[in-house]
Amino acid sequence: MALFTLENLYFKSRNQEIIRGVNLEIEKGSVVGLTGKSGGGKSTLLKLIAGILVPSSGKVLYEGVDIQSMNNIKNKEFRRKCAFVFQDSALWANQDIQQNLNLPLQTHNPDMTYSQRLERIHEICSIVKYDRSLQLRPADLSMGEQKRIAFARALINNPEVLFLDECTESLDRKGVEVIMSLLNSFVNEGKTVIYVSHSSVFITSLAGKVLVIEEGQLSE
């Protein structure tokens, strides 16, 4: 059974058809990239697969179960296993870095003590090479630092699936190297990566299938 199955997927926004009849299977442990011209529907499709957007029609199945029909327990387990790195990082602006990283731990690991959560926060910051104060807010960080914290937040609960929307945008060369090293380790553990990217360097650095999306439809 495929990890994700897309069945005749459509998505409309403001009466505009953005995704048109997409069918796709994504196997566990695979790397799947979505590329193509701006406005073609790449990020929309990524968010549909991740369950962030609701299809206008059709289905997204995770391990054979329609994401939109999951009960609360199943949905929470799905959210714990999957993590999303947004193009704009999407950090909570009114919370500091420690609070941003603490929230997913509190949500998905309620039995962890405060000291255990803090230890994990320090560990994940070291992994993404963030060494500034945890009391800073996102506005105090560079765009590249915000992206590293977004990665830290995505990885903090050891997910099985990573969704990445232009994840190396705003990163300098060293930042890209750090992220690529993390991603290669993630893939080598047999985990799944689904990403959107315009970067030919990023695409060629990750082995896997690359799909082109144009006017809401896929081609390989």
Protein backbone atom coordinates (compact mmCIF):
# COMPACT_ATOMS: atom_id res chain seq x y z
CA MET A 1 0.00 0.00 0.00
CA ALA A 2 1.26 3.46 -0.91
CA LEU A 3 1.91 5.91 1.92
CA PHE A 4 -0.10 8.62 0.12
CA THR A 5 -2.64 8.09 -2.64
CA LEU A 6 -4.22 11.01 -4.51
CA GLU A 7 -7.48 10.13 -6.25
CA ASN A 8 -8.83 12.49 -8.92
CA LEU A 9 -7.88 15.51 -6.85
CA TYR A 10 -9.35 18.94 -7.61
CA PHE A 11 -8.98 22.24 -5.80
CA LYS A 12 -10.71 25.52 -6.55
CA SER A 13 -10.15 28.95 -4.99
CA ARG A 14 -12.32 31.94 -5.84
CA ASN A 15 -13.83 29.96 -8.72
CA GLN A 16 -10.39 29.36 -10.19
CA GLU A 17 -9.40 25.72 -10.72
CA ILE A 18 -5.85 25.38 -9.33
CA ILE A 19 -5.51 21.57 -9.15
CA ARG A 20 -7.19 19.56 -11.89
CA GLY A 21 -7.71 15.82 -11.65
CA VAL A 22 -4.39 14.78 -10.08
CA ASN A 23 -3.78 11.08 -9.44
CA LEU A 24 -0.58 10.06 -7.70
CA GLU A 25 0.91 7.41 -5.41
CA ILE A 26 3.80 8.21 -3.07
CA GLU A 27 5.62 5.26 -1.51
CA LYS A 28 6.99 5.20 2.01
CA GLY A 29 10.67 6.15 2.09
CA SER A 30 10.59 7.92 -1.27
CA VAL A 31 11.61 11.43 -2.28
CA VAL A 32 9.14 13.27 -4.52
CA GLY A 33 9.75 16.75 -5.87
CA LEU A 34 7.25 19.15 -7.40
CA THR A 35 8.57 21.77 -9.76
CA GLY A 36 7.30 24.01 -12.56
CA LYS A 37 6.43 27.61 -13.26
CA SER A 38 5.14 29.97 -10.59
CA GLY A 39 1.37 29.79 -10.23
CA GLY A 40 1.17 26.25 -11.57
CA GLY A 41 -0.18 24.80 -8.31
CA LYS A 42 2.92 23.27 -6.69
CA SER A 43 2.50 24.68 -3.19
CA THR A 44 -1.25 24.12 -3.31
CA LEU A 45 -0.76 20.44 -4.15
CA LEU A 46 1.84 20.07 -1.38
CA LYS A 47 -0.60 21.52 1.17
CA LEU A 48 -3.38 19.25 -0.08
CA ILE A 49 -1.19 16.17 0.42
CA ALA A 50 -0.25 17.41 3.89
CA GLY A 51 -3.91 17.89 4.83
CA ILE A 52 -3.50 21.65 5.31
CA LEU A 53 -5.94 22.41 2.49
CA VAL A 54 -9.21 20.54 1.88
CA PRO A 55 -9.83 19.26 -1.68
CA SER A 56 -12.80 20.62 -3.62
CA SER A 57 -13.29 17.05 -4.80
CA GLY A 58 -11.32 13.82 -4.85
CA LYS A 59 -9.35 12.30 -1.97
CA VAL A 60 -5.94 12.24 -0.32
CA LEU A 61 -5.39 8.91 1.42
CA TYR A 62 -2.70 8.34 4.04
CA GLU A 63 -2.03 4.62 4.52
CA GLY A 64 -5.37 3.97 2.84
CA VAL A 65 -7.39 6.36 5.03
CA ASP A 66 -8.93 9.59 3.72
CA ILE A 67 -7.23 12.40 5.67
CA GLN A 68 -10.44 14.43 5.75
CA SER A 69 -12.43 11.58 7.32
CA MET A 70 -9.97 10.81 10.15
CA ASN A 71 -11.25 11.02 13.71
CA ASN A 72 -9.40 13.23 16.21
CA ILE A 73 -7.09 10.46 17.44
CA LYS A 74 -6.09 9.38 13.92
CA ASN A 75 -5.67 12.97 12.80
CA LYS A 76 -3.41 13.83 15.75
CA GLU A 77 -1.26 10.77 15.02
CA PHE A 78 -1.05 11.83 11.35
CA ARG A 79 0.01 15.34 12.40
CA ARG A 80 2.67 13.93 14.70
CA LYS A 81 4.16 11.79 11.94
CA CYS A 82 4.17 14.59 9.36
CA ALA A 83 5.91 17.96 9.52
CA PHE A 84 5.78 20.96 7.19
CA VAL A 85 8.42 23.63 6.53
CA PHE A 86 6.66 26.64 5.04
CA GLN A 87 8.23 28.97 2.48
CA ASP A 88 7.92 31.93 4.86
CA SER A 89 8.88 29.78 7.91
CA ALA A 90 5.50 30.58 9.58
CA LEU A 91 6.90 30.99 13.08
CA TRP A 92 4.70 32.45 15.80
CA ALA A 93 5.70 36.13 15.79
CA ASN A 94 4.45 36.83 19.34
CA GLN A 95 6.43 33.96 20.89
CA ASP A 96 10.15 33.53 21.38
CA ILE A 97 12.18 30.74 19.79
CA GLN A 98 11.93 28.48 22.82
CA GLN A 99 8.14 28.85 22.87
CA ASN A 100 7.94 28.17 19.12
CA LEU A 101 9.86 24.93 19.60
CA ASN A 102 8.15 23.96 22.84
CA LEU A 103 4.62 24.02 21.39
CA PRO A 104 4.90 20.91 19.15
CA LEU A 105 6.54 19.01 22.03
CA GLN A 106 3.71 19.93 24.40
CA THR A 107 1.10 19.03 21.79
CA HIS A 108 2.45 15.62 20.82
CA ASN A 109 4.43 14.58 23.91
CA PRO A 110 2.32 15.61 26.90
CA ASP A 111 4.21 13.21 29.19
CA MET A 112 7.55 14.97 28.67
CA THR A 113 8.73 17.05 31.61
CA TYR A 114 9.78 20.69 31.19
CA SER A 115 13.46 19.74 31.55
CA GLN A 116 13.11 16.97 28.94
CA ARG A 117 11.49 19.40 26.50
CA LEU A 118 14.19 21.99 27.10
CA GLU A 119 16.90 19.37 26.55
CA ARG A 120 15.29 18.38 23.24
CA ILE A 121 15.03 22.05 22.19
CA HIS A 122 18.74 22.59 22.83
CA GLU A 123 19.55 19.35 21.00
CA ILE A 124 17.57 20.25 17.87
CA CYS A 125 19.01 23.79 17.80
CA SER A 126 22.50 22.28 17.85
CA ILE A 127 21.54 19.96 14.97
CA VAL A 128 20.40 22.87 12.77
CA LYS A 129 23.42 24.97 13.87
CA TYR A 130 21.41 27.67 15.64
CA ASP A 131 23.49 29.04 18.52
CA ARG A 132 21.81 32.34 19.46
CA SER A 133 19.48 33.05 22.38
CA LEU A 134 16.24 31.09 22.65
CA GLN A 135 14.59 34.20 24.10
CA LEU A 136 14.77 36.06 20.80
CA ARG A 137 11.61 36.41 18.72
CA PRO A 138 11.41 35.56 15.01
CA ALA A 139 11.60 39.26 14.07
CA ASP A 140 15.04 39.40 15.75
CA LEU A 141 16.41 36.71 13.43
CA SER A 142 17.62 36.84 9.84
CA MET A 143 15.49 35.09 7.22
CA GLY A 144 18.05 32.29 7.11
CA GLU A 145 17.93 31.86 10.90
CA GLN A 146 14.12 31.79 10.78
CA LYS A 147 14.32 29.00 8.20
CA ARG A 148 16.68 27.00 10.44
CA ILE A 149 14.25 27.34 13.36
CA ALA A 150 11.40 26.28 11.06
CA PHE A 151 13.43 23.15 10.27
CA ALA A 152 14.13 22.60 13.96
CA ARG A 153 10.41 22.82 14.69
CA ALA A 154 9.63 20.35 11.90
CA LEU A 155 12.21 17.82 13.10
CA ILE A 156 11.70 18.16 16.85
CA ASN A 157 9.18 15.29 17.14
CA ASN A 158 11.13 12.91 14.85
CA PRO A 159 8.53 12.84 12.04
CA GLU A 160 8.24 10.14 9.39
CA VAL A 161 7.33 12.56 6.58
CA LEU A 162 8.69 16.02 5.75
CA PHE A 163 6.83 18.46 3.51
CA LEU A 164 9.11 21.23 2.26
CA ASP A 165 7.99 24.37 0.43
CA GLU A 166 11.06 26.11 -1.05
CA CYS A 167 12.98 25.13 2.07
CA THR A 168 16.38 26.51 1.03
CA GLU A 169 15.09 29.94 0.00
CA SER A 170 16.79 32.77 1.99
CA LEU A 171 19.57 30.45 3.15
CA ASP A 172 23.24 31.18 2.48
CA ARG A 173 25.58 28.48 1.17
CA LYS A 174 26.45 27.24 4.67
CA GLY A 175 22.76 27.13 5.61
CA VAL A 176 21.96 25.12 2.49
CA GLU A 177 24.75 22.66 3.31
CA VAL A 178 23.37 22.17 6.84
CA ILE A 179 19.84 21.55 5.56
CA MET A 180 20.97 19.22 2.76
CA SER A 181 22.98 17.16 5.26
CA LEU A 182 19.92 16.88 7.51
CA LEU A 183 17.70 15.88 4.61
CA ASN A 184 20.09 13.24 3.32
CA SER A 185 20.28 11.72 6.82
CA PHE A 186 16.48 11.82 7.03
CA VAL A 187 16.12 10.00 3.68
CA ASN A 188 18.81 7.46 4.60
CA GLU A 189 16.70 6.52 7.63
CA GLY A 190 13.98 5.37 5.21
CA LYS A 191 11.75 8.38 5.77
CA THR A 192 9.69 10.27 3.19
CA VAL A 193 10.32 13.73 1.72
CA ILE A 194 7.84 15.60 -0.48
CA TYR A 195 9.03 19.01 -1.60
CA VAL A 196 8.50 22.03 -3.82
CA SER A 197 11.56 23.73 -5.27
CA HIS A 198 12.72 25.96 -8.11
CA SER A 199 16.37 25.27 -7.27
CA SER A 200 18.10 22.92 -9.72
CA VAL A 201 20.93 22.48 -7.18
CA PHE A 202 18.47 21.35 -4.51
CA ILE A 203 16.58 19.06 -6.90
CA THR A 204 19.73 17.33 -8.16
CA SER A 205 21.07 16.94 -4.60
CA LEU A 206 18.13 14.76 -3.55
CA ALA A 207 17.69 11.48 -5.36
CA GLY A 208 14.09 10.67 -6.23
CA LYS A 209 11.21 11.35 -8.56
CA VAL A 210 10.62 14.86 -9.88
CA LEU A 211 7.17 15.82 -11.15
CA VAL A 212 6.39 18.94 -13.16
CA ILE A 213 3.10 20.63 -12.42
CA GLU A 214 1.64 22.99 -15.00
CA GLU A 215 -1.81 24.52 -14.89
CA GLY A 216 -2.75 22.17 -12.08
CA GLN A 217 -1.76 18.92 -13.78
CA LEU A 218 1.23 16.61 -13.32
CA SER A 219 3.80 15.19 -15.69
CA GLU A 220 6.97 13.26 -14.80
